[in-house]
Each structure stands twice: as C-alpha cells, then as structure tokens.
Protein backbone atom coordinates (compact mmCIF):
# COMPACT_ATOMS: atom_id res chain seq x y z
CA MET A 1 -63.29 -67.91 -6.63
CA THR A 2 -60.53 -65.70 -8.04
CA GLU A 3 -57.59 -65.36 -5.69
CA PRO A 4 -55.71 -62.12 -4.90
CA LEU A 5 -52.25 -61.62 -6.32
CA SER A 6 -49.60 -63.65 -4.55
CA LEU A 7 -45.85 -63.14 -4.03
CA ALA A 8 -45.92 -59.52 -5.22
CA GLY A 9 -46.56 -58.30 -1.68
CA ARG A 10 -48.06 -54.93 -2.52
CA PHE A 11 -49.63 -52.79 -5.24
CA SER A 12 -48.32 -49.25 -4.88
CA ILE A 13 -49.79 -46.03 -6.29
CA VAL A 14 -47.99 -42.70 -5.80
CA GLU A 15 -48.99 -39.25 -7.07
CA LEU A 16 -46.06 -37.55 -8.81
CA THR A 17 -47.91 -34.24 -9.16
CA GLY A 18 -50.61 -32.49 -7.19
CA GLN A 19 -50.96 -33.47 -3.52
CA LEU A 20 -48.37 -36.28 -3.74
CA ARG A 21 -50.63 -38.79 -2.03
CA GLU A 22 -49.84 -42.49 -1.74
CA VAL A 23 -51.82 -45.69 -1.31
CA GLU A 24 -50.59 -49.27 -1.09
CA LEU A 25 -52.72 -52.41 -1.24
CA LEU A 26 -51.50 -55.47 0.63
CA GLY A 27 -52.75 -58.97 1.36
CA ARG A 28 -56.54 -59.25 1.11
CA ALA A 29 -56.76 -55.75 -0.43
CA LEU A 30 -54.68 -56.68 -3.49
CA PRO A 31 -56.30 -56.98 -6.93
CA TYR A 32 -57.06 -60.43 -8.29
CA GLN A 33 -54.57 -62.48 -10.27
CA ARG A 34 -53.92 -62.08 -13.99
CA VAL A 35 -53.02 -58.41 -14.22
CA ALA A 36 -51.81 -57.53 -17.71
CA PHE A 37 -49.13 -54.94 -18.46
CA GLY A 38 -49.09 -55.07 -22.24
CA GLY A 39 -47.53 -53.00 -24.98
CA SER A 40 -47.17 -52.90 -28.73
CA THR A 41 -44.97 -51.39 -31.42
CA ASN A 42 -46.71 -49.36 -34.09
CA HIS A 43 -45.35 -49.99 -37.55
CA LYS A 44 -46.09 -49.72 -41.25
CA LEU A 45 -45.47 -52.76 -43.47
CA THR A 46 -45.47 -52.36 -47.25
CA PHE A 47 -45.01 -54.98 -50.00
CA TYR A 48 -43.95 -53.40 -53.24
CA PRO A 49 -44.86 -55.10 -56.55
CA GLY A 50 -42.29 -57.66 -57.64
CA ASN A 51 -40.52 -57.73 -54.26
CA PRO A 52 -41.19 -60.80 -52.11
CA SER A 53 -39.79 -59.05 -49.01
CA GLY A 54 -41.76 -56.32 -47.37
CA THR A 55 -40.47 -53.01 -46.11
CA MET A 56 -41.25 -52.16 -42.52
CA GLN A 57 -41.18 -48.77 -40.88
CA VAL A 58 -41.23 -48.73 -37.08
CA LEU A 59 -43.23 -45.76 -35.84
CA ALA A 60 -43.50 -45.87 -32.05
CA SER A 61 -43.87 -48.11 -29.03
CA THR A 62 -47.10 -47.79 -27.10
CA LEU A 63 -48.38 -49.13 -23.78
CA GLU A 64 -51.73 -50.82 -23.47
CA PRO A 65 -54.09 -49.88 -20.62
CA THR A 66 -54.10 -52.08 -17.52
CA VAL A 67 -57.34 -53.17 -15.88
CA ILE A 68 -57.36 -54.55 -12.34
CA GLN A 69 -60.24 -55.96 -10.32
CA GLY A 70 -60.80 -56.98 -6.74
CA THR A 71 -63.05 -57.05 -3.70
CA TRP A 72 -62.73 -55.08 -0.49
CA LYS A 73 -64.48 -56.19 2.69
CA ASP A 74 -64.41 -54.32 5.97
CA ARG A 75 -63.64 -57.46 7.95
CA PHE A 76 -60.44 -58.13 5.99
CA LEU A 77 -59.14 -54.59 5.35
CA PRO A 78 -57.55 -53.57 8.70
CA GLY A 79 -53.78 -53.63 8.24
CA GLN A 80 -54.09 -54.30 4.50
CA VAL A 81 -54.11 -50.70 3.23
CA GLU A 82 -51.35 -48.14 3.80
CA ALA A 83 -52.03 -44.58 2.68
CA VAL A 84 -50.68 -41.05 3.01
CA GLY A 85 -52.74 -37.90 2.41
CA PHE A 86 -56.22 -39.47 2.47
CA ASP A 87 -58.82 -38.78 5.16
CA GLY A 88 -59.58 -41.84 7.26
CA LEU A 89 -56.63 -43.81 5.90
CA SER A 90 -53.79 -42.27 7.89
CA PRO A 91 -51.54 -44.51 10.00
CA GLY A 92 -53.56 -45.67 12.98
CA ASP A 93 -56.92 -45.39 11.22
CA THR A 94 -59.00 -48.49 10.53
CA ALA A 95 -59.41 -48.96 6.79
CA THR A 96 -62.91 -49.64 5.47
CA ALA A 97 -64.19 -50.41 2.01
CA GLU A 98 -65.89 -47.01 1.83
CA ARG A 99 -62.71 -45.11 2.67
CA VAL A 100 -60.60 -47.02 0.16
CA VAL A 101 -63.20 -46.40 -2.55
CA GLN A 102 -63.15 -42.69 -1.69
CA ALA A 103 -59.36 -42.65 -2.00
CA PHE A 104 -59.43 -44.24 -5.48
CA GLU A 105 -62.19 -41.91 -6.63
CA ALA A 106 -60.10 -38.95 -5.43
CA LEU A 107 -57.17 -40.20 -7.51
CA ARG A 108 -59.40 -40.56 -10.56
CA ARG A 109 -60.94 -37.10 -10.20
CA SER A 110 -57.58 -35.40 -9.69
CA GLY A 111 -56.18 -36.68 -13.00
CA GLN A 112 -52.67 -36.36 -11.58
CA ARG A 113 -49.67 -38.25 -12.88
CA LEU A 114 -49.27 -41.53 -11.02
CA ARG A 115 -46.45 -44.01 -10.56
CA VAL A 116 -47.80 -47.54 -10.15
CA GLN A 117 -45.64 -50.45 -9.08
CA TRP A 118 -46.45 -54.13 -8.79
CA TYR A 119 -43.51 -56.45 -8.12
CA SER A 120 -40.80 -55.32 -10.61
CA VAL A 121 -43.27 -53.63 -13.00
CA VAL A 122 -43.30 -49.83 -12.79
CA ARG A 123 -45.39 -47.59 -15.02
CA GLU A 124 -46.56 -43.99 -15.02
CA GLY A 125 -49.95 -42.75 -16.16
CA ILE A 126 -53.38 -41.81 -14.84
CA LEU A 127 -56.29 -43.63 -13.25
CA SER A 128 -58.71 -43.22 -16.14
CA ARG A 129 -61.61 -45.26 -14.78
CA PHE A 130 -62.72 -46.62 -11.41
CA THR A 131 -65.99 -48.51 -10.93
CA PRO A 132 -67.14 -49.69 -7.49
CA SER A 133 -69.98 -52.27 -7.46
CA TRP A 134 -71.45 -52.35 -3.96
CA ILE A 135 -72.64 -55.66 -2.55
CA ARG A 136 -73.45 -54.10 0.82
CA PRO A 137 -72.08 -51.06 2.71
CA GLN A 138 -69.27 -53.22 4.11
CA ASP A 139 -68.36 -55.10 0.90
CA VAL A 140 -67.60 -53.80 -2.58
CA GLU A 141 -66.35 -55.26 -5.84
CA TRP A 142 -64.27 -52.83 -7.87
CA GLU A 143 -62.52 -52.37 -11.20
CA ALA A 144 -59.88 -49.80 -12.11
CA GLU A 145 -58.24 -48.92 -15.41
CA PHE A 146 -54.89 -47.20 -15.82
CA VAL A 147 -53.74 -45.53 -19.04
CA TRP A 148 -49.96 -45.40 -19.36
CA PHE A 149 -47.58 -43.00 -21.05
CA GLN A 150 -44.28 -44.24 -19.65
CA GLU A 151 -42.69 -47.37 -18.25
CA ALA A 152 -39.65 -47.72 -16.05
CA LEU A 153 -37.14 -50.27 -17.26
CA SER A 154 -36.01 -50.96 -13.70
CA ALA A 155 -37.95 -50.64 -10.47
CA PRO A 156 -36.68 -47.99 -8.03
CA ARG A 157 -35.02 -49.39 -4.96
CA ALA A 158 -36.46 -48.62 -1.56
CA ALA A 159 -33.02 -47.62 -0.29
CA GLU A 160 -29.76 -47.47 -2.22
CA GLU A 161 -26.38 -47.01 -0.57
CA VAL A 162 -24.60 -43.91 -1.77
CA ALA A 163 -20.99 -44.37 -2.82
CA GLU A 164 -18.57 -42.96 -0.26
CA PRO A 165 -16.63 -40.11 -1.94
CA LYS A 166 -14.05 -39.74 0.85
CA PRO A 167 -13.13 -43.14 2.31
CA ALA A 168 -10.24 -41.70 4.33
CA LEU A 169 -12.51 -39.17 6.02
CA ARG A 170 -15.09 -41.87 6.64
CA SER A 171 -12.47 -44.08 8.28
CA SER A 172 -11.39 -41.19 10.49
CA MET A 173 -15.00 -40.52 11.54
CA ASP A 174 -15.51 -44.20 12.30
CA ALA A 175 -12.37 -44.18 14.46
CA ASN A 176 -13.63 -41.14 16.37
CA ASP A 177 -17.01 -42.77 16.89
CA GLU A 178 -15.32 -45.91 18.21
CA ALA A 179 -13.22 -43.82 20.60
CA VAL A 180 -16.33 -42.11 21.93
CA ARG A 181 -18.12 -45.45 22.36
CA SER A 182 -15.14 -46.90 24.21
CA THR A 183 -15.19 -44.06 26.78
CA ARG A 184 -18.91 -44.05 27.48
CA GLY A 185 -20.11 -44.50 31.02
CA ARG A 186 -18.03 -43.77 34.10
CA ALA A 187 -14.78 -43.55 32.15
CA ALA A 188 -16.00 -40.68 29.98
CA LEU A 189 -15.79 -37.86 32.58
CA PRO A 190 -12.28 -38.71 33.89
CA ALA A 191 -11.00 -38.96 30.32
CA TYR A 192 -12.51 -35.57 29.48
CA ARG A 193 -11.03 -34.00 32.61
CA ALA A 194 -7.58 -35.35 31.82
CA ALA A 195 -7.69 -34.02 28.27
CA LEU A 196 -8.88 -30.60 29.42
CA SER A 197 -6.21 -30.37 32.11
CA ALA A 198 -3.50 -31.19 29.56
CA ALA A 199 -4.79 -28.49 27.19
CA LEU A 200 -4.87 -25.89 29.96
CA ARG A 201 -1.32 -26.70 31.06
CA SER A 202 -0.18 -26.23 27.47
CA GLU A 203 -1.88 -22.82 27.28
CA ARG A 204 -0.21 -21.77 30.52
CA VAL A 205 3.25 -22.70 29.25
CA GLN A 206 2.75 -20.83 25.98
CA LEU A 207 1.60 -17.65 27.72
CA ALA A 208 4.52 -17.77 30.10
CA GLN A 209 6.87 -18.05 27.12
CA VAL A 210 5.24 -15.00 25.52
CA PHE A 211 5.68 -12.91 28.64
CA SER A 212 9.26 -14.13 28.97
CA GLY A 213 9.96 -13.03 25.42
CA LEU A 214 8.50 -9.59 26.07
CA ASN A 215 10.67 -9.23 29.16
CA ALA A 216 13.72 -10.08 27.07
CA ILE A 217 12.81 -7.35 24.60
CA THR A 218 12.57 -4.71 27.34
CA LEU A 219 15.99 -5.73 28.65
CA THR A 220 17.78 -5.65 25.27
CA ALA A 221 15.98 -2.58 23.89
CA PRO A 222 14.83 -0.40 26.77
CA GLY A 223 13.53 2.28 24.44
CA ALA A 224 11.38 -0.06 22.33
CA SER A 225 7.62 0.49 22.38
CA ILE A 226 5.77 -2.81 22.95
CA THR A 227 2.58 -1.41 24.41
CA GLU A 228 0.37 -2.78 21.60
CA PRO A 229 1.63 -6.40 21.70
CA VAL A 230 1.47 -6.36 25.49
CA ASN A 231 -2.15 -5.24 25.40
CA LEU A 232 -2.98 -8.02 22.93
CA VAL A 233 -1.35 -10.63 25.11
CA ALA A 234 -3.07 -9.31 28.22
CA SER A 235 -6.43 -9.44 26.43
CA SER A 236 -5.79 -13.04 25.35
CA ALA A 237 -4.78 -13.93 28.87
CA SER A 238 -7.98 -12.47 30.26
CA THR A 239 -10.09 -14.44 27.76
CA ILE A 240 -8.30 -17.70 28.53
CA ARG A 241 -8.64 -17.09 32.26
CA SER A 242 -12.42 -16.72 31.85
CA GLU A 243 -12.62 -19.93 29.81
CA VAL A 244 -10.55 -21.78 32.39
CA GLU A 245 -12.79 -20.64 35.23
CA GLY A 246 -15.86 -21.77 33.26
CA ALA A 247 -14.30 -25.16 32.60
CA ALA A 248 -13.40 -25.50 36.24
CA ALA A 249 -17.04 -25.01 37.19
CA VAL A 250 -17.96 -27.91 34.88
CA VAL A 251 -15.30 -30.49 35.67
CA GLY A 252 -14.43 -29.48 39.25
CA ALA A 253 -11.80 -27.18 40.69
CA ASP A 254 -9.68 -30.14 41.80
CA GLU A 255 -9.09 -31.08 38.15
CA VAL A 256 -7.99 -27.67 36.87
CA ASP A 257 -5.41 -25.32 38.26
CA VAL A 258 -7.51 -22.18 38.35
CA GLY A 259 -4.71 -20.12 39.81
CA LEU A 260 -2.82 -19.86 36.56
CA SER A 261 -1.83 -16.34 37.54
CA LEU A 262 -2.34 -15.24 33.96
CA GLY A 263 -2.80 -11.65 35.06
CA VAL A 264 0.02 -11.51 37.62
CA LEU A 265 2.96 -13.05 35.76
CA PRO A 266 6.15 -11.09 36.62
CA LEU A 267 6.71 -8.58 33.84
CA GLN A 268 8.69 -5.37 33.95
CA ILE A 269 7.67 -3.30 30.93
CA SER A 270 9.25 -0.07 29.88
CA SER A 271 6.75 2.76 29.49
CA GLY A 272 8.62 3.97 26.43
C-alpha cells in the first residue's frame, strides 16, 4: 500500500485572489509519496554545416504540472484537515471525506491563483483538475493536478522578526516595562501616590512663585497693567485645582494636600 508523505508535515493551499480561502492537509490526509515538482528549459539547438559544435539558444524556463493522489477516510480525517473559508471545515468542525472533496472542487471551479507549499517547495498556479473516485460515502480516492506559472525560490517563513530601527527607544521601552512589572501588586498604589504627591507639590511651588513675581511687579511699577497675565494665571490655578481634587478622589485625601489655596494666595494687585 502506498504511504502518505512523511516528514513534510503539511500540504498547504492558499488562494491569492478571490475569496482568499485556505486548506491544509496533515497526517492521514496528506497525498501519497512521490510527488513530482518538475521543470524544463526550452531551447533551440542548431548544428551548422562544417561546425562540430552546435549553437544553442535558451528560450524560457517552464514548470511541469504536478499530480498528487491520496485517499480520504472519515475515520482518519478528524484533526487532519485545517481550512479557512469553507463550509463544514471551519475550526471546530469535524472533517469528512465529502466536505474535503467539496472544498477541492470549489478551488477547481473558482480558477483562482493558488500558492501551494509542501516542505520547502512553493509554487503558484491553479488547480486544473480534481478527480474523486468514491469507494463508499465515507471513503474516497482522489487525484489532483496543478498547473504552475511561477515558483518561489525560497519558502516564506511563518514569522520573521522585523529589524529594530530604534534600539535606543526599544531599550527605553523595555526599561519602562520592567519598572512597571517591578511595582505590580500592593506596591503599585503607594508608588503612584508618592509620585503624584511630588508632582502636585511642584505645581504648588511654581504657582506661588508666579504670584510672588506678580506682587513684585505691582510694588515696583504701581501703574503697570497686569490684568491679562493675572487672569491667565488664575485660570491655570483653577484648572490645576480641579485636577488635584479629582486626583484626591482617586488616591485618597490623606495622600494629597487638597488645600493648596490656589485661589486664595495673598496677592495685592493694582487696578491700574
């Protein structure tokens, strides 16, 4: 009895046009051994009179059709066929000989461009012929022929690592991730509270310095008009006060000094 293909693992067929369906044969669903992927180079050889050496003109390289054969039996198909886009062959469905035959016939009828891969061999073409020979409703012998118009010199990798264009940025991101991982759990909230409290104290100091500077201006130049900058500072203070109160509701009033007195800082402003 002819044995299925070994070592290759899977026989993959993917539609490159149309509905972009996929089907993969594994294990007992694989075609039998001795699958040929042939090719030839068309040429013209001429021997001119009196010349012992011929002249050869290379015309083109062509790919020979590939014919595969196999047998599908309901009892051996579960878990041996993986498909996308075919009725009855979606993940979780139980594959049967009838459903796999229907999938191959759909590929043949569509005439769409296919990429076929077995081991390291990758070719593109169409499924030109598919012939199921039924033994019984549960068992079928089959034969398929592919006609090729292109071959891939190297098989596509399932996953290829993309070169990192910014290693310094990547290192920084990794460091941040490590810092986050190191503060997970019970230590995360205290660390967040401490950082937020430090930021709020810094904001308070900066605002106080702004108001102090405005006071100095009113003392040195009583007639100067600073209404516009004062309004801007007051607006910023109001916004920060709202953000502080919101943060306090999240982390707890005991962690944040809500009484920053942003709106009641001592300031004597000339109306001029």
